[in-house]
Amino acid sequence: MTPTPAPRIRPRRLRETPALRRLVSETRLDPADLVLPMFVREGASAPVPIGSMPGVVQHTLDSLPQAVADAAAAGVGGVMLFGVPEVRDARGSGATDPNGILNVATRVAVEASAGSLVVQTDLCLDEFTDHGHCGVLDAHGRVDNDATLERYTSMALEQARAGSQVLGLSGMMDGQVAAVREALDASGHEHTAILAYSAKYASAFYGPFREAVESTLEGDRRTYQLDPGNRREGLREAMIDIDEGADIVMVKPAGSYLDVLADVAAASEVPVWAYQVSGEYAMIEAAAAHGWIDRKRAVIESVRGIRRAGADAVLTYWAVELAEWIRKGDAA
């Protein structure tokens, strides 16, 4: 019997040792590529734990500075702020109040960061409206796209005045990037960047986030967020936002939409980010708490997969913890 010839090509050679695997790694993680989403609750006297997101809290204005400083010390690239107001109304008035929780928190975070990371803000009305939708409603109870754009431009100006460097347009209204860019430029805020949540899908994975912002939404957002079955539409939305002047485009959620993320990354001339959303976080934490998966490995693998698909930066609730693992060399 003729012996089987030894293989000439042996890809395993490059997997022999941790040092060699690290040297040939195609996708590296860096703390600067991570953005930490943070919630700030108006009127809270102490940080409030979020039950469905173990380890994540609603910060107070007093606890926020140390949390921002901790993120900066870990080397995290930025923080994304969400406000949780005490009072809401149909127009989301708190979003454009200079003394509203998000604008006050922005000023606090900017001071605490001392320029060591990028302070970013969520630009959407859902946290501020009593009906929980991302825009104002018309007489028939539908989200009025063009009336909402007027609210977004006002919101953008207040956030820019508060010191936000990047405005995260997450409402999925048609024309939102163009409207906000025009308003910023006309008011002397031409250096404020726009992060467009371009491919934001009507996902089941937002559930814990709605607890975090105490959402009052009844119904759903399918008339403005993307259908989960649509791949081409995600790319189309990103290209429209780039044409309208977006400085960065986003795919959200990340884990279930890696194909869309890869499409956008391949076509985009601007940075592409992805949001590892609350449900993705909660699933890993729950499985790890039951001992079903290795928590650290699952966290690292999930974020690395998002980066591998093409994300230049990842919004993740593990940003600080993951950054510390990376800095210690524990994220290989």
C-alpha atoms as a PDB file:
ATOM      1  CA  MET A   1       0.000   0.000   0.000  1.00  0.00           C
ATOM      2  CA  THR A   2       1.399   3.370  -1.031  1.00  0.00           C
ATOM      3  CA  PRO A   3       1.835   5.633   1.984  1.00  0.00           C
ATOM      4  CA  THR A   4      -0.127   8.852   2.009  1.00  0.00           C
ATOM      5  CA  PRO A   5       2.277  11.675   1.142  1.00  0.00           C
ATOM      6  CA  ALA A   6       2.894  14.220   3.846  1.00  0.00           C
ATOM      7  CA  PRO A   7       1.123  17.485   3.151  1.00  0.00           C
ATOM      8  CA  ARG A   8       3.365  20.170   1.709  1.00  0.00           C
ATOM      9  CA  ILE A   9       1.079  23.034   2.684  1.00  0.00           C
ATOM     10  CA  ARG A  10       0.575  23.178   6.442  1.00  0.00           C
ATOM     11  CA  PRO A  11      -1.442  26.213   7.595  1.00  0.00           C
ATOM     12  CA  ARG A  12      -1.166  24.907  11.153  1.00  0.00           C
ATOM     13  CA  ARG A  13       2.465  26.063  11.231  1.00  0.00           C
ATOM     14  CA  LEU A  14       1.210  29.563  11.934  1.00  0.00           C
ATOM     15  CA  ARG A  15      -0.895  28.396  14.894  1.00  0.00           C
ATOM     16  CA  GLU A  16       1.841  26.630  16.847  1.00  0.00           C
ATOM     17  CA  THR A  17       2.365  29.140  19.685  1.00  0.00           C
ATOM     18  CA  PRO A  18       0.496  32.075  21.229  1.00  0.00           C
ATOM     19  CA  ALA A  19       3.259  34.438  20.098  1.00  0.00           C
ATOM     20  CA  LEU A  20       3.072  33.227  16.505  1.00  0.00           C
ATOM     21  CA  ARG A  21      -0.721  33.368  16.450  1.00  0.00           C
ATOM     22  CA  ARG A  22      -0.544  36.919  17.739  1.00  0.00           C
ATOM     23  CA  LEU A  23       2.025  37.904  15.122  1.00  0.00           C
ATOM     24  CA  VAL A  24      -0.105  36.720  12.186  1.00  0.00           C
ATOM     25  CA  SER A  25      -3.477  37.815  13.560  1.00  0.00           C
ATOM     26  CA  GLU A  26      -5.560  39.533  10.883  1.00  0.00           C
ATOM     27  CA  THR A  27      -7.878  41.357  13.263  1.00  0.00           C
ATOM     28  CA  ARG A  28      -6.521  43.172  16.293  1.00  0.00           C
ATOM     29  CA  LEU A  29      -8.426  44.839  19.086  1.00  0.00           C
ATOM     30  CA  ASP A  30      -7.367  48.204  20.437  1.00  0.00           C
ATOM     31  CA  PRO A  31      -8.977  50.203  23.257  1.00  0.00           C
ATOM     32  CA  ALA A  32      -9.079  53.282  21.028  1.00  0.00           C
ATOM     33  CA  ASP A  33     -11.502  51.458  18.724  1.00  0.00           C
ATOM     34  CA  LEU A  34     -14.105  51.046  21.497  1.00  0.00           C
ATOM     35  CA  VAL A  35     -16.904  53.426  22.480  1.00  0.00           C
ATOM     36  CA  LEU A  36     -18.770  53.070  25.776  1.00  0.00           C
ATOM     37  CA  PRO A  37     -22.523  53.813  25.784  1.00  0.00           C
ATOM     38  CA  MET A  38     -23.547  55.475  29.071  1.00  0.00           C
ATOM     39  CA  PHE A  39     -26.926  56.315  30.587  1.00  0.00           C
ATOM     40  CA  VAL A  40     -27.461  59.357  32.813  1.00  0.00           C
ATOM     41  CA  ARG A  41     -30.655  59.589  34.853  1.00  0.00           C
ATOM     42  CA  GLU A  42     -32.121  62.888  35.912  1.00  0.00           C
ATOM     43  CA  GLY A  43     -32.871  63.210  39.619  1.00  0.00           C
ATOM     44  CA  ALA A  44     -31.108  60.010  40.687  1.00  0.00           C
ATOM     45  CA  SER A  45     -29.218  60.225  43.979  1.00  0.00           C
ATOM     46  CA  ALA A  46     -27.108  57.116  43.313  1.00  0.00           C
ATOM     47  CA  PRO A  47     -26.328  54.967  40.279  1.00  0.00           C
ATOM     48  CA  VAL A  48     -29.280  52.726  39.407  1.00  0.00           C
ATOM     49  CA  PRO A  49     -28.480  49.148  38.268  1.00  0.00           C
ATOM     50  CA  ILE A  50     -30.197  47.985  35.073  1.00  0.00           C
ATOM     51  CA  GLY A  51     -31.650  44.563  35.820  1.00  0.00           C
ATOM     52  CA  SER A  52     -31.420  43.145  32.303  1.00  0.00           C
ATOM     53  CA  MET A  53     -27.868  44.429  31.805  1.00  0.00           C
ATOM     54  CA  PRO A  54     -25.738  43.174  34.710  1.00  0.00           C
ATOM     55  CA  GLY A  55     -22.883  45.551  35.445  1.00  0.00           C
ATOM     56  CA  VAL A  56     -24.473  48.511  33.627  1.00  0.00           C
ATOM     57  CA  VAL A  57     -26.083  51.402  35.511  1.00  0.00           C
ATOM     58  CA  GLN A  58     -27.950  54.621  35.014  1.00  0.00           C
ATOM     59  CA  HIS A  59     -25.406  57.162  36.213  1.00  0.00           C
ATOM     60  CA  THR A  60     -26.059  60.278  38.219  1.00  0.00           C
ATOM     61  CA  LEU A  61     -24.476  63.594  37.363  1.00  0.00           C
ATOM     62  CA  ASP A  62     -22.210  62.970  40.348  1.00  0.00           C
ATOM     63  CA  SER A  63     -21.107  59.470  39.323  1.00  0.00           C
ATOM     64  CA  LEU A  64     -20.649  60.342  35.651  1.00  0.00           C
ATOM     65  CA  PRO A  65     -17.301  62.176  35.925  1.00  0.00           C
ATOM     66  CA  GLN A  66     -15.507  59.238  37.555  1.00  0.00           C
ATOM     67  CA  ALA A  67     -16.993  56.809  35.041  1.00  0.00           C
ATOM     68  CA  VAL A  68     -15.778  58.981  32.167  1.00  0.00           C
ATOM     69  CA  ALA A  69     -12.361  59.275  33.801  1.00  0.00           C
ATOM     70  CA  ASP A  70     -12.205  55.486  34.213  1.00  0.00           C
ATOM     71  CA  ALA A  71     -13.014  55.020  30.529  1.00  0.00           C
ATOM     72  CA  ALA A  72     -10.313  57.483  29.570  1.00  0.00           C
ATOM     73  CA  ALA A  73      -7.782  55.774  31.840  1.00  0.00           C
ATOM     74  CA  ALA A  74      -8.555  52.446  30.162  1.00  0.00           C
ATOM     75  CA  GLY A  75      -7.796  54.015  26.785  1.00  0.00           C
ATOM     76  CA  VAL A  76     -11.357  53.822  25.451  1.00  0.00           C
ATOM     77  CA  GLY A  77     -11.833  55.993  22.374  1.00  0.00           C
ATOM     78  CA  GLY A  78     -15.109  57.621  23.327  1.00  0.00           C
ATOM     79  CA  VAL A  79     -18.341  57.614  25.289  1.00  0.00           C
ATOM     80  CA  MET A  80     -21.877  57.848  23.883  1.00  0.00           C
ATOM     81  CA  LEU A  81     -24.318  59.537  26.236  1.00  0.00           C
ATOM     82  CA  PHE A  82     -28.037  58.825  26.600  1.00  0.00           C
ATOM     83  CA  GLY A  83     -30.269  60.905  28.847  1.00  0.00           C
ATOM     84  CA  VAL A  84     -33.109  59.584  31.007  1.00  0.00           C
ATOM     85  CA  PRO A  85     -35.356  62.539  31.913  1.00  0.00           C
ATOM     86  CA  GLU A  86     -37.846  62.782  34.757  1.00  0.00           C
ATOM     87  CA  VAL A  87     -40.510  64.493  32.637  1.00  0.00           C
ATOM     88  CA  ARG A  88     -41.505  63.694  29.044  1.00  0.00           C
ATOM     89  CA  ASP A  89     -43.969  65.215  26.609  1.00  0.00           C
ATOM     90  CA  ALA A  90     -45.214  64.720  23.072  1.00  0.00           C
ATOM     91  CA  ARG A  91     -42.478  66.864  21.499  1.00  0.00           C
ATOM     92  CA  GLY A  92     -39.602  65.684  23.648  1.00  0.00           C
ATOM     93  CA  SER A  93     -39.002  69.190  24.969  1.00  0.00           C
ATOM     94  CA  GLY A  94     -36.285  68.034  27.351  1.00  0.00           C
ATOM     95  CA  ALA A  95     -34.071  67.180  24.412  1.00  0.00           C
ATOM     96  CA  THR A  96     -33.725  70.830  23.426  1.00  0.00           C
ATOM     97  CA  ASP A  97     -33.641  72.308  26.911  1.00  0.00           C
ATOM     98  CA  PRO A  98     -30.100  73.580  27.630  1.00  0.00           C
ATOM     99  CA  ASN A  99     -30.680  72.399  31.196  1.00  0.00           C
ATOM    100  CA  GLY A 100     -32.111  69.060  30.147  1.00  0.00           C
ATOM    101  CA  ILE A 101     -30.362  65.976  31.471  1.00  0.00           C
ATOM    102  CA  LEU A 102     -28.525  65.034  28.268  1.00  0.00           C
ATOM    103  CA  ASN A 103     -27.155  68.510  27.636  1.00  0.00           C
ATOM    104  CA  VAL A 104     -26.094  68.952  31.252  1.00  0.00           C
ATOM    105  CA  ALA A 105     -24.495  65.495  31.243  1.00  0.00           C
ATOM    106  CA  THR A 106     -22.617  66.389  28.081  1.00  0.00           C
ATOM    107  CA  ARG A 107     -21.047  69.415  29.711  1.00  0.00           C
ATOM    108  CA  VAL A 108     -20.109  67.307  32.740  1.00  0.00           C
ATOM    109  CA  ALA A 109     -18.574  64.568  30.580  1.00  0.00           C
ATOM    110  CA  VAL A 110     -16.623  67.032  28.431  1.00  0.00           C
ATOM    111  CA  GLU A 111     -15.085  68.564  31.525  1.00  0.00           C
ATOM    112  CA  ALA A 112     -14.325  65.165  33.047  1.00  0.00           C
ATOM    113  CA  SER A 113     -12.733  63.850  29.867  1.00  0.00           C
ATOM    114  CA  ALA A 114     -10.324  66.776  29.564  1.00  0.00           C
ATOM    115  CA  GLY A 115      -9.942  65.933  25.890  1.00  0.00           C
ATOM    116  CA  SER A 116      -8.678  62.401  26.542  1.00  0.00           C
ATOM    117  CA  LEU A 117     -11.614  60.741  24.773  1.00  0.00           C
ATOM    118  CA  VAL A 118     -14.416  61.772  22.420  1.00  0.00           C
ATOM    119  CA  VAL A 119     -17.700  62.757  24.045  1.00  0.00           C
ATOM    120  CA  GLN A 120     -20.605  61.795  21.805  1.00  0.00           C
ATOM    121  CA  THR A 121     -24.350  62.180  22.237  1.00  0.00           C
ATOM    122  CA  ASP A 122     -27.405  60.305  21.068  1.00  0.00           C
ATOM    123  CA  LEU A 123     -29.547  62.541  18.896  1.00  0.00           C
ATOM    124  CA  CYS A 124     -33.031  61.056  19.002  1.00  0.00           C
ATOM    125  CA  LEU A 125     -36.295  61.931  20.689  1.00  0.00           C
ATOM    126  CA  ASP A 126     -37.364  58.509  21.953  1.00  0.00           C
ATOM    127  CA  GLU A 127     -35.949  59.004  25.448  1.00  0.00           C
ATOM    128  CA  PHE A 128     -37.731  62.349  25.735  1.00  0.00           C
ATOM    129  CA  THR A 129     -41.195  61.721  24.276  1.00  0.00           C
ATOM    130  CA  ASP A 130     -44.110  60.459  26.337  1.00  0.00           C
ATOM    131  CA  HIS A 131     -45.134  58.140  23.493  1.00  0.00           C
ATOM    132  CA  GLY A 132     -41.635  56.685  23.117  1.00  0.00           C
ATOM    133  CA  HIS A 133     -41.262  57.219  19.389  1.00  0.00           C
ATOM    134  CA  CYS A 134     -38.175  58.718  17.795  1.00  0.00           C
ATOM    135  CA  GLY A 135     -40.074  61.692  16.396  1.00  0.00           C
ATOM    136  CA  VAL A 136     -43.153  63.840  16.806  1.00  0.00           C
ATOM    137  CA  LEU A 137     -46.524  62.384  15.838  1.00  0.00           C
ATOM    138  CA  ASP A 138     -49.056  63.765  13.367  1.00  0.00           C
ATOM    139  CA  ALA A 139     -52.818  63.903  13.851  1.00  0.00           C
ATOM    140  CA  HIS A 140     -53.104  60.246  12.854  1.00  0.00           C
ATOM    141  CA  GLY A 141     -50.502  59.051  15.351  1.00  0.00           C
ATOM    142  CA  ARG A 142     -47.823  58.430  12.729  1.00  0.00           C
ATOM    143  CA  VAL A 143     -44.278  59.714  13.077  1.00  0.00           C
ATOM    144  CA  ASP A 144     -44.099  62.938  11.067  1.00  0.00           C
ATOM    145  CA  ASN A 145     -40.753  62.766   9.287  1.00  0.00           C
ATOM    146  CA  ASP A 146     -40.346  66.412   8.280  1.00  0.00           C
ATOM    147  CA  ALA A 147     -41.675  67.885  11.522  1.00  0.00           C
ATOM    148  CA  THR A 148     -39.246  65.623  13.348  1.00  0.00           C
ATOM    149  CA  LEU A 149     -36.342  67.028  11.332  1.00  0.00           C
ATOM    150  CA  GLU A 150     -37.086  70.446  12.819  1.00  0.00           C
ATOM    151  CA  ARG A 151     -36.796  68.977  16.300  1.00  0.00           C
ATOM    152  CA  TYR A 152     -33.572  67.190  15.378  1.00  0.00           C
ATOM    153  CA  THR A 153     -31.915  70.367  14.137  1.00  0.00           C
ATOM    154  CA  SER A 154     -32.790  72.147  17.382  1.00  0.00           C
ATOM    155  CA  MET A 155     -31.504  69.197  19.352  1.00  0.00           C
ATOM    156  CA  ALA A 156     -28.277  69.176  17.341  1.00  0.00           C
ATOM    157  CA  LEU A 157     -27.571  72.808  18.092  1.00  0.00           C
ATOM    158  CA  GLU A 158     -28.052  72.321  21.826  1.00  0.00           C
ATOM    159  CA  GLN A 159     -25.804  69.262  21.876  1.00  0.00           C
ATOM    160  CA  ALA A 160     -23.112  71.083  19.919  1.00  0.00           C
ATOM    161  CA  ARG A 161     -23.303  74.044  22.291  1.00  0.00           C
ATOM    162  CA  ALA A 162     -22.957  71.646  25.220  1.00  0.00           C
ATOM    163  CA  GLY A 163     -19.683  70.399  23.743  1.00  0.00           C
ATOM    164  CA  SER A 164     -20.572  67.128  22.023  1.00  0.00           C
ATOM    165  CA  GLN A 165     -17.948  66.352  19.383  1.00  0.00           C
ATOM    166  CA  VAL A 166     -19.983  63.698  17.565  1.00  0.00           C
ATOM    167  CA  LEU A 167     -23.760  63.706  17.200  1.00  0.00           C
ATOM    168  CA  GLY A 168     -25.245  60.220  16.883  1.00  0.00           C
ATOM    169  CA  LEU A 169     -28.275  60.568  14.628  1.00  0.00           C
ATOM    170  CA  SER A 170     -30.190  57.428  15.521  1.00  0.00           C
ATOM    171  CA  GLY A 171     -33.794  58.288  14.641  1.00  0.00           C
ATOM    172  CA  MET A 172     -33.854  56.905  11.066  1.00  0.00           C
ATOM    173  CA  MET A 173     -35.752  59.861   9.609  1.00  0.00           C
ATOM    174  CA  ASP A 174     -35.309  60.506   5.894  1.00  0.00           C
ATOM    175  CA  GLY A 175     -33.060  63.524   5.316  1.00  0.00           C
ATOM    176  CA  GLN A 176     -31.864  63.795   8.923  1.00  0.00           C
ATOM    177  CA  VAL A 177     -28.180  64.039   8.054  1.00  0.00           C
ATOM    178  CA  ALA A 178     -28.656  66.790   5.489  1.00  0.00           C
ATOM    179  CA  ALA A 179     -30.922  68.784   7.805  1.00  0.00           C
ATOM    180  CA  VAL A 180     -28.595  68.567  10.794  1.00  0.00           C
ATOM    181  CA  ARG A 181     -25.472  69.277   8.728  1.00  0.00           C
ATOM    182  CA  GLU A 182     -27.034  72.395   7.261  1.00  0.00           C
ATOM    183  CA  ALA A 183     -28.128  73.631  10.688  1.00  0.00           C
ATOM    184  CA  LEU A 184     -24.737  73.003  12.268  1.00  0.00           C
ATOM    185  CA  ASP A 185     -22.830  74.732   9.477  1.00  0.00           C
ATOM    186  CA  ALA A 186     -25.152  77.722   9.470  1.00  0.00           C
ATOM    187  CA  SER A 187     -24.699  78.238  13.213  1.00  0.00           C
ATOM    188  CA  GLY A 188     -20.902  78.048  13.325  1.00  0.00           C
ATOM    189  CA  HIS A 189     -20.664  74.398  14.364  1.00  0.00           C
ATOM    190  CA  GLU A 190     -19.127  73.167  11.147  1.00  0.00           C
ATOM    191  CA  HIS A 191     -16.504  71.229  13.118  1.00  0.00           C
ATOM    192  CA  THR A 192     -19.088  69.087  14.938  1.00  0.00           C
ATOM    193  CA  ALA A 193     -19.134  65.609  13.383  1.00  0.00           C
ATOM    194  CA  ILE A 194     -22.169  63.527  12.457  1.00  0.00           C
ATOM    195  CA  LEU A 195     -22.405  59.814  13.141  1.00  0.00           C
ATOM    196  CA  ALA A 196     -25.348  58.517  11.120  1.00  0.00           C
ATOM    197  CA  TYR A 197     -27.078  55.400  12.386  1.00  0.00           C
ATOM    198  CA  SER A 198     -27.618  54.527   8.755  1.00  0.00           C
ATOM    199  CA  ALA A 199     -28.536  50.848   8.822  1.00  0.00           C
ATOM    200  CA  LYS A 200     -30.547  50.647  12.030  1.00  0.00           C
ATOM    201  CA  TYR A 201     -32.827  47.644  12.008  1.00  0.00           C
ATOM    202  CA  ALA A 202     -36.171  47.057  13.745  1.00  0.00           C
ATOM    203  CA  SER A 203     -34.572  44.474  15.994  1.00  0.00           C
ATOM    204  CA  ALA A 204     -35.691  42.323  18.901  1.00  0.00           C
ATOM    205  CA  PHE A 205     -32.298  42.893  20.507  1.00  0.00           C
ATOM    206  CA  TYR A 206     -33.112  46.373  21.850  1.00  0.00           C
ATOM    207  CA  GLY A 207     -35.205  45.114  24.757  1.00  0.00           C
ATOM    208  CA  PRO A 208     -32.766  45.752  27.637  1.00  0.00           C
ATOM    209  CA  PHE A 209     -31.960  49.209  26.246  1.00  0.00           C
ATOM    210  CA  ARG A 210     -35.603  50.140  26.595  1.00  0.00           C
ATOM    211  CA  GLU A 211     -35.376  49.286  30.266  1.00  0.00           C
ATOM    212  CA  ALA A 212     -32.203  51.359  30.526  1.00  0.00           C
ATOM    213  CA  VAL A 213     -33.885  54.490  29.142  1.00  0.00           C
ATOM    214  CA  GLU A 214     -37.256  53.676  30.740  1.00  0.00           C
ATOM    215  CA  SER A 215     -38.929  53.708  27.335  1.00  0.00           C
ATOM    216  CA  THR A 216     -42.653  54.456  27.155  1.00  0.00           C
ATOM    217  CA  LEU A 217     -43.020  53.020  23.636  1.00  0.00           C
ATOM    218  CA  GLU A 218     -46.189  51.178  22.731  1.00  0.00           C
ATOM    219  CA  GLY A 219     -46.164  49.407  19.392  1.00  0.00           C
ATOM    220  CA  ASP A 220     -43.020  49.336  17.294  1.00  0.00           C
ATOM    221  CA  ARG A 221     -40.758  51.416  15.041  1.00  0.00           C
ATOM    222  CA  ARG A 222     -41.075  49.412  11.847  1.00  0.00           C
ATOM    223  CA  THR A 223     -42.237  52.379   9.788  1.00  0.00           C
ATOM    224  CA  TYR A 224     -38.809  53.992  10.115  1.00  0.00           C
ATOM    225  CA  GLN A 225     -36.291  51.345  11.205  1.00  0.00           C
ATOM    226  CA  LEU A 226     -35.179  48.792   8.616  1.00  0.00           C
ATOM    227  CA  ASP A 227     -36.761  45.414   7.989  1.00  0.00           C
ATOM    228  CA  PRO A 228     -34.416  42.711   9.378  1.00  0.00           C
ATOM    229  CA  GLY A 229     -34.672  40.798   6.106  1.00  0.00           C
ATOM    230  CA  ASN A 230     -33.295  43.617   3.947  1.00  0.00           C
ATOM    231  CA  ARG A 231     -29.594  43.566   3.164  1.00  0.00           C
ATOM    232  CA  ARG A 232     -29.365  45.873   0.138  1.00  0.00           C
ATOM    233  CA  GLU A 233     -31.451  48.512   1.864  1.00  0.00           C
ATOM    234  CA  GLY A 234     -28.886  48.809   4.653  1.00  0.00           C
ATOM    235  CA  LEU A 235     -26.168  49.667   2.142  1.00  0.00           C
ATOM    236  CA  ARG A 236     -28.479  52.062   0.315  1.00  0.00           C
ATOM    237  CA  GLU A 237     -29.258  53.954   3.511  1.00  0.00           C
ATOM    238  CA  ALA A 238     -25.545  54.272   4.312  1.00  0.00           C
ATOM    239  CA  MET A 239     -24.748  55.622   0.857  1.00  0.00           C
ATOM    240  CA  ILE A 240     -27.560  58.190   1.140  1.00  0.00           C
ATOM    241  CA  ASP A 241     -26.206  59.375   4.495  1.00  0.00           C
ATOM    242  CA  ILE A 242     -22.688  59.678   3.104  1.00  0.00           C
ATOM    243  CA  ASP A 243     -24.029  61.762   0.211  1.00  0.00           C
ATOM    244  CA  GLU A 244     -25.828  63.992   2.729  1.00  0.00           C
ATOM    245  CA  GLY A 245     -22.608  64.664   4.637  1.00  0.00           C
ATOM    246  CA  ALA A 246     -22.268  61.992   7.327  1.00  0.00           C
ATOM    247  CA  ASP A 247     -18.756  61.815   8.737  1.00  0.00           C
ATOM    248  CA  ILE A 248     -19.254  58.267  10.062  1.00  0.00           C
ATOM    249  CA  VAL A 249     -21.943  55.672   9.326  1.00  0.00           C
ATOM    250  CA  MET A 250     -23.295  53.001  11.640  1.00  0.00           C
ATOM    251  CA  VAL A 251     -24.761  49.511  11.414  1.00  0.00           C
ATOM    252  CA  LYS A 252     -26.979  48.527  14.354  1.00  0.00           C
ATOM    253  CA  PRO A 253     -27.292  45.897  15.767  1.00  0.00           C
ATOM    254  CA  ALA A 254     -23.919  44.400  14.982  1.00  0.00           C
ATOM    255  CA  GLY A 255     -23.930  40.664  15.592  1.00  0.00           C
ATOM    256  CA  SER A 256     -26.941  39.678  13.490  1.00  0.00           C
ATOM    257  CA  TYR A 257     -26.063  42.083  10.670  1.00  0.00           C
ATOM    258  CA  LEU A 258     -22.425  41.311   9.925  1.00  0.00           C
ATOM    259  CA  ASP A 259     -23.270  40.865   6.236  1.00  0.00           C
ATOM    260  CA  VAL A 260     -24.672  44.386   6.085  1.00  0.00           C
ATOM    261  CA  LEU A 261     -21.665  45.670   8.005  1.00  0.00           C
ATOM    262  CA  ALA A 262     -19.297  44.030   5.529  1.00  0.00           C
ATOM    263  CA  ASP A 263     -21.227  45.496   2.593  1.00  0.00           C
ATOM    264  CA  VAL A 264     -21.111  49.002   4.024  1.00  0.00           C
ATOM    265  CA  ALA A 265     -17.438  48.732   4.983  1.00  0.00           C
ATOM    266  CA  ALA A 266     -16.545  47.631   1.455  1.00  0.00           C
ATOM    267  CA  ALA A 267     -18.341  50.570  -0.144  1.00  0.00           C
ATOM    268  CA  SER A 268     -17.895  53.415   2.343  1.00  0.00           C
ATOM    269  CA  GLU A 269     -15.406  56.240   1.984  1.00  0.00           C
ATOM    270  CA  VAL A 270     -15.972  57.282   5.603  1.00  0.00           C
ATOM    271  CA  PRO A 271     -15.403  55.338   8.840  1.00  0.00           C
ATOM    272  CA  VAL A 272     -17.916  52.592   9.570  1.00  0.00           C
ATOM    273  CA  TRP A 273     -18.924  51.795  13.142  1.00  0.00           C
ATOM    274  CA  ALA A 274     -21.181  49.133  14.625  1.00  0.00           C
ATOM    275  CA  TYR A 275     -23.229  49.009  17.816  1.00  0.00           C
ATOM    276  CA  GLN A 276     -23.147  45.818  19.878  1.00  0.00           C
ATOM    277  CA  VAL A 277     -26.554  46.403  21.385  1.00  0.00           C
ATOM    278  CA  SER A 278     -28.082  45.683  24.762  1.00  0.00           C
ATOM    279  CA  GLY A 279     -29.625  42.348  23.803  1.00  0.00           C
ATOM    280  CA  GLU A 280     -26.292  41.056  22.520  1.00  0.00           C
ATOM    281  CA  TYR A 281     -24.720  42.085  25.819  1.00  0.00           C
ATOM    282  CA  ALA A 282     -27.523  40.554  27.885  1.00  0.00           C
ATOM    283  CA  MET A 283     -27.417  37.202  26.087  1.00  0.00           C
ATOM    284  CA  ILE A 284     -23.718  36.683  26.715  1.00  0.00           C
ATOM    285  CA  GLU A 285     -23.994  37.821  30.332  1.00  0.00           C
ATOM    286  CA  ALA A 286     -26.958  35.496  30.953  1.00  0.00           C
ATOM    287  CA  ALA A 287     -25.300  32.486  29.343  1.00  0.00           C
ATOM    288  CA  ALA A 288     -22.074  33.144  31.227  1.00  0.00           C
ATOM    289  CA  ALA A 289     -23.958  33.512  34.515  1.00  0.00           C
ATOM    290  CA  HIS A 290     -25.349  30.000  33.991  1.00  0.00           C
ATOM    291  CA  GLY A 291     -21.873  28.658  33.269  1.00  0.00           C
ATOM    292  CA  TRP A 292     -22.819  27.740  29.704  1.00  0.00           C
ATOM    293  CA  ILE A 293     -20.047  29.745  28.007  1.00  0.00           C
ATOM    294  CA  ASP A 294     -16.670  31.236  28.881  1.00  0.00           C
ATOM    295  CA  ARG A 295     -17.574  34.878  29.471  1.00  0.00           C
ATOM    296  CA  LYS A 296     -14.239  36.491  28.651  1.00  0.00           C
ATOM    297  CA  ARG A 297     -13.694  34.445  25.500  1.00  0.00           C
ATOM    298  CA  ALA A 298     -17.244  35.097  24.320  1.00  0.00           C
ATOM    299  CA  VAL A 299     -16.924  38.848  24.857  1.00  0.00           C
ATOM    300  CA  ILE A 300     -13.615  39.018  23.003  1.00  0.00           C
ATOM    301  CA  GLU A 301     -14.801  36.793  20.179  1.00  0.00           C
ATOM    302  CA  SER A 302     -18.011  38.743  19.694  1.00  0.00           C
ATOM    303  CA  VAL A 303     -16.235  42.094  19.415  1.00  0.00           C
ATOM    304  CA  ARG A 304     -13.462  40.679  17.256  1.00  0.00           C
ATOM    305  CA  GLY A 305     -16.084  39.290  14.884  1.00  0.00           C
ATOM    306  CA  ILE A 306     -17.597  42.755  14.500  1.00  0.00           C
ATOM    307  CA  ARG A 307     -14.187  44.241  13.784  1.00  0.00           C
ATOM    308  CA  ARG A 308     -13.386  41.425  11.348  1.00  0.00           C
ATOM    309  CA  ALA A 309     -16.575  42.164   9.409  1.00  0.00           C
ATOM    310  CA  GLY A 310     -15.320  45.698   8.807  1.00  0.00           C
ATOM    311  CA  ALA A 311     -16.180  47.930  11.751  1.00  0.00           C
ATOM    312  CA  ASP A 312     -13.575  50.610  12.384  1.00  0.00           C
ATOM    313  CA  ALA A 313     -14.959  51.097  15.891  1.00  0.00           C
ATOM    314  CA  VAL A 314     -17.453  49.249  18.074  1.00  0.00           C
ATOM    315  CA  LEU A 315     -19.930  50.640  20.575  1.00  0.00           C
ATOM    316  CA  THR A 316     -20.056  48.065  23.346  1.00  0.00           C
ATOM    317  CA  TYR A 317     -21.060  48.005  27.004  1.00  0.00           C
ATOM    318  CA  TRP A 318     -17.899  45.982  27.675  1.00  0.00           C
ATOM    319  CA  ALA A 319     -15.666  48.786  26.375  1.00  0.00           C
ATOM    320  CA  VAL A 320     -13.830  49.528  29.623  1.00  0.00           C
ATOM    321  CA  GLU A 321     -13.461  45.923  30.742  1.00  0.00           C
ATOM    322  CA  LEU A 322     -12.348  44.806  27.294  1.00  0.00           C
ATOM    323  CA  ALA A 323      -9.915  47.710  27.030  1.00  0.00           C
ATOM    324  CA  GLU A 324      -8.315  46.650  30.303  1.00  0.00           C
ATOM    325  CA  TRP A 325      -7.970  43.065  29.060  1.00  0.00           C
ATOM    326  CA  ILE A 326      -6.346  44.329  25.873  1.00  0.00           C
ATOM    327  CA  ARG A 327      -3.917  46.555  27.765  1.00  0.00           C
ATOM    328  CA  LYS A 328      -2.915  43.638  29.977  1.00  0.00           C
ATOM    329  CA  GLY A 329      -2.399  41.362  26.970  1.00  0.00           C
ATOM    330  CA  ASP A 330      -5.325  39.125  27.981  1.00  0.00           C
ATOM    331  CA  ALA A 331      -7.398  39.569  24.824  1.00  0.00           C
ATOM    332  CA  ALA A 332      -5.400  37.449  22.386  1.00  0.00           C
END
